[in-house]
N, C-alpha and C. Protein backbone atom coordinates (compact mmCIF):
# COMPACT_ATOMS: atom_id res chain seq x y z
N UNK A 1 110.60 122.50 -230.50
CA UNK A 1 110.13 123.75 -230.00
C UNK A 1 110.99 124.90 -230.53
N UNK A 2 112.30 124.69 -230.50
CA UNK A 2 113.21 125.73 -230.99
C UNK A 2 112.98 125.97 -232.48
N UNK A 3 112.77 124.86 -233.24
CA UNK A 3 112.54 125.02 -234.69
C UNK A 3 111.27 125.80 -234.96
N UNK A 4 110.24 125.54 -234.19
CA UNK A 4 108.98 126.25 -234.36
C UNK A 4 109.18 127.75 -234.07
N UNK A 5 109.91 128.04 -233.02
CA UNK A 5 110.18 129.43 -232.67
C UNK A 5 111.00 130.12 -233.76
N UNK A 6 112.00 129.41 -234.31
CA UNK A 6 112.86 129.95 -235.36
C UNK A 6 112.04 130.23 -236.62
N UNK A 7 111.14 129.28 -236.99
CA UNK A 7 110.29 129.46 -238.16
C UNK A 7 109.38 130.68 -237.98
N UNK A 8 108.79 130.84 -236.81
CA UNK A 8 107.90 131.97 -236.53
C UNK A 8 108.67 133.29 -236.55
N UNK A 9 109.87 133.31 -236.00
CA UNK A 9 110.65 134.56 -235.99
C UNK A 9 111.06 134.96 -237.40
N UNK A 10 111.33 133.96 -238.27
CA UNK A 10 111.66 134.28 -239.67
C UNK A 10 110.44 134.88 -240.37
N UNK A 11 109.27 134.35 -240.12
CA UNK A 11 108.04 134.89 -240.71
C UNK A 11 107.81 136.32 -240.23
N UNK A 12 108.01 136.54 -238.95
CA UNK A 12 107.81 137.88 -238.39
C UNK A 12 108.78 138.86 -239.03
N UNK A 13 110.05 138.45 -239.15
CA UNK A 13 111.04 139.34 -239.76
C UNK A 13 110.71 139.61 -241.23
N UNK A 14 110.31 138.56 -241.95
CA UNK A 14 109.96 138.71 -243.36
C UNK A 14 108.76 139.64 -243.50
N UNK A 15 107.76 139.45 -242.64
CA UNK A 15 106.57 140.31 -242.66
C UNK A 15 106.92 141.75 -242.31
N UNK A 16 107.80 141.92 -241.35
CA UNK A 16 108.21 143.26 -240.94
C UNK A 16 108.98 143.96 -242.06
N UNK A 17 109.85 143.23 -242.75
CA UNK A 17 110.62 143.84 -243.83
C UNK A 17 109.71 144.18 -245.01
N UNK A 18 108.70 143.36 -245.29
CA UNK A 18 107.75 143.68 -246.36
C UNK A 18 106.95 144.93 -245.98
N UNK A 19 106.53 145.00 -244.72
CA UNK A 19 105.78 146.17 -244.26
C UNK A 19 106.65 147.43 -244.32
N UNK A 20 107.91 147.32 -243.92
CA UNK A 20 108.82 148.48 -243.97
C UNK A 20 109.02 148.93 -245.42
N UNK A 21 109.16 147.98 -246.34
CA UNK A 21 109.34 148.32 -247.75
C UNK A 21 108.09 149.03 -248.28
N UNK A 22 106.92 148.56 -247.89
CA UNK A 22 105.68 149.19 -248.34
C UNK A 22 105.57 150.62 -247.81
N UNK A 23 105.90 150.81 -246.53
CA UNK A 23 105.85 152.15 -245.94
C UNK A 23 106.86 153.07 -246.63
N UNK A 24 108.04 152.55 -246.92
CA UNK A 24 109.06 153.35 -247.60
C UNK A 24 108.60 153.76 -248.99
N UNK A 25 108.00 152.84 -249.74
CA UNK A 25 107.51 153.16 -251.09
C UNK A 25 106.41 154.20 -251.03
N UNK A 26 105.48 154.07 -250.09
CA UNK A 26 104.41 155.05 -249.96
C UNK A 26 104.96 156.43 -249.58
N UNK A 27 105.94 156.46 -248.72
CA UNK A 27 106.54 157.72 -248.30
C UNK A 27 107.23 158.40 -249.47
N UNK A 28 107.98 157.63 -250.26
CA UNK A 28 108.65 158.20 -251.43
C UNK A 28 107.65 158.69 -252.45
N UNK A 29 106.58 157.96 -252.68
CA UNK A 29 105.56 158.37 -253.65
C UNK A 29 104.90 159.67 -253.22
N UNK A 30 104.58 159.79 -251.93
CA UNK A 30 103.96 161.02 -251.44
C UNK A 30 104.93 162.19 -251.52
N UNK A 31 106.20 161.94 -251.26
CA UNK A 31 107.19 163.01 -251.33
C UNK A 31 107.33 163.53 -252.75
N UNK A 32 107.28 162.62 -253.73
CA UNK A 32 107.40 163.05 -255.12
C UNK A 32 106.15 163.81 -255.56
N UNK A 33 104.97 163.36 -255.13
CA UNK A 33 103.74 164.05 -255.50
C UNK A 33 103.68 165.42 -254.85
N UNK A 34 104.12 165.53 -253.64
CA UNK A 34 104.03 166.78 -252.89
C UNK A 34 105.26 167.64 -253.02
N UNK A 35 106.02 167.51 -254.08
CA UNK A 35 107.24 168.29 -254.26
C UNK A 35 106.90 169.68 -254.76
N UNK A 36 106.01 170.35 -254.05
CA UNK A 36 105.64 171.72 -254.38
C UNK A 36 106.68 172.66 -253.79
N UNK A 37 107.01 173.70 -254.53
CA UNK A 37 108.00 174.63 -253.99
C UNK A 37 107.42 175.46 -252.85
N UNK A 38 108.28 175.90 -252.00
CA UNK A 38 107.85 176.76 -250.90
C UNK A 38 107.52 178.14 -251.46
N UNK A 39 106.79 178.93 -250.67
CA UNK A 39 106.46 180.29 -251.09
C UNK A 39 107.73 181.11 -251.30
N UNK A 40 108.71 180.85 -250.47
CA UNK A 40 109.99 181.57 -250.58
C UNK A 40 110.67 181.25 -251.91
N UNK A 41 110.61 179.98 -252.34
CA UNK A 41 111.22 179.59 -253.62
C UNK A 41 110.49 180.25 -254.78
N UNK A 42 109.16 180.29 -254.73
CA UNK A 42 108.38 180.92 -255.80
C UNK A 42 108.68 182.42 -255.85
N UNK A 43 108.80 183.06 -254.70
CA UNK A 43 109.12 184.49 -254.66
C UNK A 43 110.51 184.75 -255.25
N UNK A 44 111.45 183.88 -254.94
CA UNK A 44 112.81 184.04 -255.47
C UNK A 44 112.80 183.88 -256.99
N UNK A 45 112.10 182.86 -257.48
CA UNK A 45 112.03 182.64 -258.93
C UNK A 45 111.35 183.84 -259.60
N UNK A 46 110.26 184.33 -259.02
CA UNK A 46 109.55 185.48 -259.58
C UNK A 46 110.46 186.70 -259.66
N UNK A 47 111.18 186.95 -258.59
CA UNK A 47 112.09 188.11 -258.55
C UNK A 47 113.19 187.98 -259.60
N UNK A 48 113.76 186.79 -259.73
CA UNK A 48 114.84 186.59 -260.70
C UNK A 48 114.34 186.66 -262.14
N UNK A 49 113.14 186.11 -262.41
CA UNK A 49 112.59 186.18 -263.76
C UNK A 49 112.35 187.64 -264.14
N UNK A 50 111.73 188.41 -263.24
CA UNK A 50 111.48 189.83 -263.50
C UNK A 50 112.80 190.55 -263.79
N UNK A 51 113.81 190.31 -262.97
CA UNK A 51 115.10 190.97 -263.15
C UNK A 51 115.72 190.61 -264.50
N UNK A 52 115.74 189.32 -264.81
CA UNK A 52 116.36 188.88 -266.07
C UNK A 52 115.64 189.45 -267.28
N UNK A 53 114.31 189.51 -267.24
CA UNK A 53 113.57 190.05 -268.38
C UNK A 53 113.83 191.55 -268.55
N UNK A 54 113.90 192.27 -267.44
CA UNK A 54 114.16 193.71 -267.53
C UNK A 54 115.57 194.01 -268.00
N UNK A 55 116.48 193.09 -267.81
CA UNK A 55 117.88 193.30 -268.20
C UNK A 55 118.17 192.91 -269.65
N UNK A 56 117.16 192.42 -270.37
CA UNK A 56 117.40 192.06 -271.78
C UNK A 56 117.83 193.30 -272.55
N UNK A 57 118.91 193.19 -273.33
CA UNK A 57 119.49 194.39 -273.95
C UNK A 57 118.63 195.05 -275.02
N UNK A 58 117.77 194.31 -275.72
CA UNK A 58 117.01 194.92 -276.82
C UNK A 58 115.55 195.17 -276.47
N UNK A 59 115.20 195.08 -275.19
CA UNK A 59 113.84 195.36 -274.74
C UNK A 59 113.62 196.86 -274.77
N UNK A 60 112.59 197.32 -275.48
CA UNK A 60 112.33 198.75 -275.52
C UNK A 60 110.85 199.04 -275.29
N UNK A 61 110.47 200.28 -275.47
CA UNK A 61 109.12 200.75 -275.16
C UNK A 61 108.05 200.10 -276.05
N UNK A 62 108.46 199.53 -277.17
CA UNK A 62 107.51 198.92 -278.09
C UNK A 62 107.37 197.40 -277.88
N UNK A 63 107.94 196.90 -276.81
CA UNK A 63 107.85 195.49 -276.44
C UNK A 63 107.18 195.38 -275.08
N UNK A 64 106.41 194.32 -274.91
CA UNK A 64 105.77 194.09 -273.61
C UNK A 64 105.98 192.63 -273.22
N UNK A 65 106.64 192.43 -272.09
CA UNK A 65 106.87 191.07 -271.59
C UNK A 65 106.18 190.91 -270.25
N UNK A 66 105.54 189.76 -270.08
CA UNK A 66 104.91 189.40 -268.81
C UNK A 66 105.22 187.92 -268.57
N UNK A 67 104.94 187.46 -267.36
CA UNK A 67 105.20 186.05 -267.05
C UNK A 67 104.31 185.58 -265.92
N UNK A 68 104.16 184.27 -265.84
CA UNK A 68 103.44 183.63 -264.73
C UNK A 68 104.35 182.54 -264.18
N UNK A 69 104.42 182.44 -262.86
CA UNK A 69 105.20 181.39 -262.22
C UNK A 69 104.22 180.43 -261.56
N UNK A 70 104.32 179.16 -261.95
CA UNK A 70 103.47 178.12 -261.37
C UNK A 70 104.40 177.03 -260.84
N UNK A 71 104.74 177.12 -259.58
CA UNK A 71 105.70 176.17 -259.01
C UNK A 71 107.07 176.43 -259.60
N UNK A 72 107.60 175.39 -260.24
CA UNK A 72 108.92 175.52 -260.87
C UNK A 72 108.80 175.79 -262.37
N UNK A 73 107.58 176.04 -262.86
CA UNK A 73 107.33 176.29 -264.28
C UNK A 73 107.05 177.77 -264.50
N UNK A 74 107.58 178.32 -265.60
CA UNK A 74 107.39 179.72 -265.94
C UNK A 74 106.77 179.81 -267.32
N UNK A 75 105.72 180.63 -267.44
CA UNK A 75 105.08 180.90 -268.72
C UNK A 75 105.41 182.34 -269.10
N UNK A 76 105.99 182.52 -270.27
CA UNK A 76 106.32 183.85 -270.78
C UNK A 76 105.20 184.32 -271.70
N UNK A 77 104.79 185.57 -271.53
CA UNK A 77 103.69 186.15 -272.30
C UNK A 77 104.12 187.51 -272.84
N UNK A 78 103.34 188.04 -273.77
CA UNK A 78 103.58 189.39 -274.26
C UNK A 78 103.78 189.45 -275.76
N UNK A 79 104.19 190.63 -276.22
CA UNK A 79 104.43 190.87 -277.64
C UNK A 79 105.77 191.60 -277.79
N UNK A 80 106.53 191.20 -278.80
CA UNK A 80 107.83 191.83 -279.06
C UNK A 80 107.96 192.14 -280.54
N UNK A 81 108.82 193.11 -280.85
CA UNK A 81 109.02 193.50 -282.25
C UNK A 81 110.17 192.73 -282.91
N UNK A 82 111.04 192.14 -282.11
CA UNK A 82 112.20 191.42 -282.65
C UNK A 82 112.15 189.94 -282.24
N UNK A 83 112.28 189.03 -283.20
CA UNK A 83 112.25 187.59 -282.88
C UNK A 83 113.36 187.18 -281.91
N UNK A 84 114.50 187.85 -281.97
CA UNK A 84 115.61 187.49 -281.07
C UNK A 84 115.25 187.76 -279.61
N UNK A 85 114.38 188.73 -279.37
CA UNK A 85 113.97 189.04 -278.01
C UNK A 85 113.16 187.89 -277.41
N UNK A 86 112.35 187.25 -278.23
CA UNK A 86 111.57 186.09 -277.76
C UNK A 86 112.51 184.97 -277.33
N UNK A 87 113.47 184.64 -278.18
CA UNK A 87 114.39 183.54 -277.86
C UNK A 87 115.33 183.92 -276.72
N UNK A 88 115.76 185.18 -276.66
CA UNK A 88 116.63 185.63 -275.55
C UNK A 88 115.91 185.54 -274.21
N UNK A 89 114.62 185.91 -274.19
CA UNK A 89 113.84 185.85 -272.95
C UNK A 89 113.75 184.41 -272.46
N UNK A 90 113.48 183.50 -273.37
CA UNK A 90 113.39 182.09 -272.99
C UNK A 90 114.73 181.57 -272.48
N UNK A 91 115.81 181.95 -273.15
CA UNK A 91 117.14 181.47 -272.77
C UNK A 91 117.55 181.94 -271.38
N UNK A 92 117.29 183.22 -271.06
CA UNK A 92 117.71 183.71 -269.74
C UNK A 92 116.86 183.11 -268.61
N UNK A 93 115.59 182.86 -268.88
CA UNK A 93 114.72 182.30 -267.85
C UNK A 93 115.08 180.83 -267.60
N UNK A 94 115.46 180.11 -268.65
CA UNK A 94 115.85 178.70 -268.49
C UNK A 94 117.08 178.55 -267.60
N UNK A 95 117.93 179.57 -267.56
CA UNK A 95 119.16 179.50 -266.77
C UNK A 95 118.94 179.77 -265.28
N UNK A 96 117.76 180.23 -264.91
CA UNK A 96 117.49 180.56 -263.50
C UNK A 96 117.40 179.27 -262.69
N UNK A 97 118.10 179.25 -261.58
CA UNK A 97 118.11 178.07 -260.71
C UNK A 97 116.70 177.80 -260.18
N UNK A 98 116.26 176.56 -260.33
CA UNK A 98 114.94 176.16 -259.84
C UNK A 98 113.88 176.11 -260.92
N UNK A 99 114.11 176.75 -262.06
CA UNK A 99 113.13 176.72 -263.15
C UNK A 99 113.30 175.41 -263.91
N UNK A 100 112.21 174.62 -263.95
CA UNK A 100 112.27 173.32 -264.62
C UNK A 100 111.75 173.38 -266.04
N UNK A 101 110.73 174.22 -266.29
CA UNK A 101 110.12 174.27 -267.62
C UNK A 101 109.75 175.70 -267.95
N UNK A 102 109.98 176.09 -269.22
CA UNK A 102 109.60 177.43 -269.69
C UNK A 102 108.66 177.25 -270.88
N UNK A 103 107.46 177.81 -270.75
CA UNK A 103 106.47 177.80 -271.83
C UNK A 103 106.48 179.20 -272.46
N UNK A 104 107.07 179.31 -273.64
CA UNK A 104 107.25 180.61 -274.28
C UNK A 104 106.06 180.92 -275.18
N UNK A 105 105.16 181.77 -274.70
CA UNK A 105 103.98 182.17 -275.47
C UNK A 105 104.09 183.62 -275.94
N UNK A 106 105.31 184.12 -276.04
CA UNK A 106 105.52 185.49 -276.51
C UNK A 106 105.22 185.55 -278.00
N UNK A 107 104.44 186.57 -278.39
CA UNK A 107 104.08 186.76 -279.79
C UNK A 107 105.07 187.73 -280.44
N UNK A 108 105.59 187.35 -281.59
CA UNK A 108 106.46 188.25 -282.36
C UNK A 108 105.56 189.02 -283.33
N UNK A 109 105.56 190.33 -283.19
CA UNK A 109 104.71 191.17 -284.03
C UNK A 109 105.23 191.19 -285.47
N UNK A 110 104.33 191.25 -286.45
CA UNK A 110 104.77 191.24 -287.85
C UNK A 110 105.53 192.51 -288.21
N UNK A 111 106.46 192.37 -289.13
CA UNK A 111 107.22 193.52 -289.62
C UNK A 111 106.30 194.36 -290.50
N UNK A 112 106.22 195.65 -290.19
CA UNK A 112 105.34 196.53 -290.95
C UNK A 112 105.87 197.96 -290.87
N UNK A 113 106.24 198.55 -292.01
CA UNK A 113 106.69 199.94 -292.01
C UNK A 113 105.60 200.89 -291.49
N UNK A 114 104.33 200.58 -291.79
CA UNK A 114 103.24 201.42 -291.30
C UNK A 114 103.20 201.38 -289.76
N UNK A 115 103.33 200.19 -289.18
CA UNK A 115 103.33 200.07 -287.72
C UNK A 115 104.55 200.78 -287.11
N UNK A 116 105.68 200.70 -287.80
CA UNK A 116 106.88 201.39 -287.30
C UNK A 116 106.67 202.90 -287.25
N UNK A 117 106.05 203.47 -288.28
CA UNK A 117 105.76 204.91 -288.28
C UNK A 117 104.77 205.25 -287.17
N UNK A 118 103.75 204.40 -287.02
CA UNK A 118 102.77 204.61 -285.95
C UNK A 118 103.43 204.58 -284.57
N UNK A 119 104.35 203.66 -284.37
CA UNK A 119 105.05 203.56 -283.08
C UNK A 119 105.77 204.87 -282.74
N UNK A 120 106.45 205.42 -283.74
CA UNK A 120 107.18 206.67 -283.51
C UNK A 120 106.23 207.83 -283.20
N UNK A 121 105.13 207.91 -283.95
CA UNK A 121 104.15 208.99 -283.71
C UNK A 121 103.47 208.81 -282.35
N UNK A 122 103.17 207.58 -281.98
CA UNK A 122 102.55 207.31 -280.67
C UNK A 122 103.51 207.65 -279.54
N UNK A 123 104.78 207.31 -279.71
CA UNK A 123 105.77 207.63 -278.69
C UNK A 123 105.82 209.15 -278.46
N UNK A 124 105.90 209.91 -279.56
CA UNK A 124 105.95 211.37 -279.43
C UNK A 124 104.67 211.92 -278.81
N UNK A 125 103.53 211.36 -279.20
CA UNK A 125 102.25 211.86 -278.68
C UNK A 125 102.11 211.57 -277.18
N UNK A 126 102.49 210.38 -276.75
CA UNK A 126 102.31 210.01 -275.34
C UNK A 126 103.40 210.61 -274.46
N UNK A 127 104.64 210.35 -274.79
CA UNK A 127 105.73 210.84 -273.93
C UNK A 127 106.02 212.33 -274.12
N UNK A 128 105.48 212.93 -275.18
CA UNK A 128 105.64 214.37 -275.39
C UNK A 128 104.59 215.18 -274.67
N UNK A 129 103.57 214.53 -274.14
CA UNK A 129 102.53 215.23 -273.39
C UNK A 129 103.12 215.75 -272.08
N UNK A 130 102.90 217.04 -271.76
CA UNK A 130 103.48 217.58 -270.51
C UNK A 130 103.10 216.79 -269.26
N UNK A 131 101.88 216.27 -269.21
CA UNK A 131 101.46 215.54 -268.01
C UNK A 131 102.06 214.13 -267.94
N UNK A 132 102.59 213.63 -269.06
CA UNK A 132 103.16 212.28 -269.06
C UNK A 132 104.68 212.25 -269.21
N UNK A 133 105.31 213.42 -269.30
CA UNK A 133 106.76 213.47 -269.50
C UNK A 133 107.54 212.85 -268.35
N UNK A 134 106.97 212.83 -267.16
CA UNK A 134 107.68 212.23 -266.02
C UNK A 134 107.88 210.73 -266.18
N UNK A 135 107.12 210.11 -267.08
CA UNK A 135 107.27 208.67 -267.34
C UNK A 135 108.37 208.37 -268.36
N UNK A 136 108.92 209.43 -268.98
CA UNK A 136 109.96 209.25 -270.00
C UNK A 136 111.31 209.05 -269.31
N UNK A 137 111.46 207.87 -268.73
CA UNK A 137 112.69 207.53 -268.01
C UNK A 137 113.75 207.06 -269.01
N UNK A 138 115.01 207.15 -268.63
CA UNK A 138 116.08 206.83 -269.56
C UNK A 138 116.04 205.40 -270.11
N UNK A 139 115.72 204.42 -269.27
CA UNK A 139 115.85 203.04 -269.73
C UNK A 139 114.50 202.33 -269.82
N UNK A 140 113.91 202.04 -268.70
CA UNK A 140 112.68 201.27 -268.66
C UNK A 140 111.49 202.22 -268.61
N UNK A 141 110.75 202.28 -269.69
CA UNK A 141 109.59 203.16 -269.77
C UNK A 141 108.37 202.42 -269.22
N UNK A 142 107.63 203.03 -268.29
CA UNK A 142 106.51 202.32 -267.67
C UNK A 142 105.28 202.18 -268.56
N UNK A 143 105.17 203.02 -269.59
CA UNK A 143 104.05 202.88 -270.54
C UNK A 143 104.58 202.20 -271.79
N UNK A 144 104.08 201.02 -272.06
CA UNK A 144 104.50 200.25 -273.24
C UNK A 144 103.51 200.45 -274.37
N UNK A 145 104.00 200.65 -275.57
CA UNK A 145 103.17 200.92 -276.74
C UNK A 145 103.30 199.75 -277.70
N UNK A 146 102.24 198.96 -277.81
CA UNK A 146 102.24 197.78 -278.68
C UNK A 146 101.36 198.09 -279.89
N UNK A 147 101.94 197.95 -281.08
CA UNK A 147 101.19 198.22 -282.32
C UNK A 147 101.21 196.95 -283.16
N UNK A 148 100.00 196.50 -283.52
CA UNK A 148 99.87 195.30 -284.35
C UNK A 148 98.83 195.58 -285.43
N UNK A 149 99.33 195.79 -286.65
CA UNK A 149 98.49 196.07 -287.82
C UNK A 149 97.57 197.27 -287.60
N UNK A 150 98.11 198.32 -287.00
CA UNK A 150 97.36 199.54 -286.78
C UNK A 150 96.55 199.58 -285.49
N UNK A 151 96.46 198.46 -284.80
CA UNK A 151 95.73 198.40 -283.53
C UNK A 151 96.73 198.56 -282.39
N UNK A 152 96.42 199.46 -281.46
CA UNK A 152 97.34 199.85 -280.41
C UNK A 152 96.87 199.29 -279.07
N UNK A 153 97.82 198.77 -278.30
CA UNK A 153 97.55 198.35 -276.93
C UNK A 153 98.55 199.07 -276.04
N UNK A 154 98.04 199.72 -275.01
CA UNK A 154 98.89 200.38 -274.02
C UNK A 154 98.99 199.47 -272.81
N UNK A 155 100.21 199.13 -272.43
CA UNK A 155 100.46 198.25 -271.27
C UNK A 155 101.37 199.00 -270.31
N UNK A 156 101.31 198.61 -269.06
CA UNK A 156 102.23 199.19 -268.08
C UNK A 156 101.52 199.77 -266.88
N UNK A 157 102.22 200.68 -266.20
CA UNK A 157 101.74 201.22 -264.94
C UNK A 157 101.85 202.74 -264.96
N UNK A 158 100.80 203.40 -264.46
CA UNK A 158 100.80 204.86 -264.29
C UNK A 158 100.41 205.18 -262.84
N UNK A 159 100.65 206.43 -262.45
CA UNK A 159 100.41 206.83 -261.06
C UNK A 159 98.94 207.04 -260.71
N UNK A 160 98.14 207.50 -261.69
CA UNK A 160 96.75 207.81 -261.37
C UNK A 160 95.85 207.62 -262.60
N UNK A 161 94.55 207.68 -262.34
CA UNK A 161 93.55 207.48 -263.40
C UNK A 161 93.64 208.57 -264.47
N UNK A 162 93.97 209.79 -264.07
CA UNK A 162 94.09 210.89 -265.02
C UNK A 162 95.19 210.61 -266.05
N UNK A 163 96.34 210.10 -265.60
CA UNK A 163 97.43 209.78 -266.53
C UNK A 163 97.01 208.65 -267.47
N UNK A 164 96.28 207.70 -266.96
CA UNK A 164 95.78 206.59 -267.80
C UNK A 164 94.87 207.15 -268.90
N UNK A 165 93.99 208.07 -268.53
CA UNK A 165 93.06 208.66 -269.50
C UNK A 165 93.79 209.55 -270.51
N UNK A 166 94.77 210.33 -270.05
CA UNK A 166 95.54 211.19 -270.95
C UNK A 166 96.29 210.33 -271.98
N UNK A 167 96.90 209.24 -271.55
CA UNK A 167 97.61 208.34 -272.49
C UNK A 167 96.64 207.78 -273.52
N UNK A 168 95.46 207.42 -273.09
CA UNK A 168 94.45 206.87 -274.00
C UNK A 168 94.02 207.92 -275.02
N UNK A 169 93.76 209.14 -274.54
CA UNK A 169 93.33 210.23 -275.44
C UNK A 169 94.43 210.56 -276.44
N UNK A 170 95.67 210.64 -275.95
CA UNK A 170 96.80 210.96 -276.85
C UNK A 170 96.98 209.87 -277.91
N UNK A 171 96.85 208.60 -277.52
CA UNK A 171 96.99 207.50 -278.49
C UNK A 171 95.86 207.52 -279.51
N UNK A 172 94.64 207.79 -279.07
CA UNK A 172 93.51 207.85 -279.99
C UNK A 172 93.62 209.02 -280.95
N UNK A 173 94.37 210.05 -280.58
CA UNK A 173 94.51 211.24 -281.42
C UNK A 173 95.53 211.09 -282.54
N UNK A 174 96.27 210.01 -282.58
CA UNK A 174 97.29 209.81 -283.62
C UNK A 174 96.61 209.27 -284.88
N UNK A 175 96.86 209.93 -286.01
CA UNK A 175 96.24 209.48 -287.25
C UNK A 175 96.83 208.14 -287.70
N UNK A 176 95.98 207.30 -288.25
CA UNK A 176 96.42 205.98 -288.71
C UNK A 176 96.15 204.88 -287.70
N UNK A 177 95.74 205.24 -286.50
CA UNK A 177 95.44 204.25 -285.46
C UNK A 177 94.00 203.77 -285.67
N UNK A 178 93.83 202.44 -285.77
CA UNK A 178 92.49 201.87 -285.96
C UNK A 178 91.74 201.74 -284.63
N UNK A 179 92.43 201.32 -283.59
CA UNK A 179 91.79 201.16 -282.28
C UNK A 179 92.85 201.25 -281.20
N UNK A 180 92.42 201.58 -279.98
CA UNK A 180 93.31 201.64 -278.82
C UNK A 180 92.70 200.84 -277.70
N UNK A 181 93.47 199.89 -277.19
CA UNK A 181 93.06 199.12 -276.01
C UNK A 181 93.96 199.58 -274.87
N UNK A 182 93.35 200.13 -273.83
CA UNK A 182 94.11 200.71 -272.73
C UNK A 182 94.17 199.73 -271.57
N UNK A 183 95.29 199.01 -271.45
CA UNK A 183 95.50 198.06 -270.35
C UNK A 183 96.40 198.63 -269.25
N UNK A 184 96.56 199.95 -269.22
CA UNK A 184 97.39 200.56 -268.20
C UNK A 184 96.77 200.31 -266.82
N UNK A 185 97.63 200.06 -265.86
CA UNK A 185 97.20 199.80 -264.49
C UNK A 185 97.61 200.98 -263.62
N UNK A 186 96.69 201.42 -262.77
CA UNK A 186 96.98 202.51 -261.86
C UNK A 186 97.62 201.92 -260.61
N UNK A 187 98.84 202.39 -260.28
CA UNK A 187 99.53 201.87 -259.10
C UNK A 187 98.87 202.44 -257.85
N UNK A 188 98.94 201.69 -256.78
CA UNK A 188 98.29 202.12 -255.54
C UNK A 188 99.28 202.46 -254.49
């Protein structure tokens, strides 16, 4: 009788330990699948990426950087005039705590003396306009002027629809410009 009881208790213990191991494995698998960052973590990463990109030393009015945060992954977007700015942006974002992967989709604009002259004329036309002079801040200019083979894209933020239209008209008035795409956003 005792042997029978001992045999049954060993089976029960063995069955219980197998069941516990199965539950533990399922719990670990679900924890790994559901390792989504909290909203607070995503907000922190977003804030730090924005800060680091704005602090890049060679970022100027002729460069446009944007990004998307998807969990712990960051996608870098935009156009830059200097190849070092593309690699610098990726390097600073990789150092941010919590960022696991950086997908660098920043386009380096081709070197072109014609585009360089257009950039200077566009800068004078847009920031020299009396109604847009308030945007001519010392460091970070809110209106970005992207020139690629004579085609102009305006990126950034303005206060109202009138300023957006004035920037578009001023850019279209510069000789040598083939087209203007106005992506300026009106802040609310």
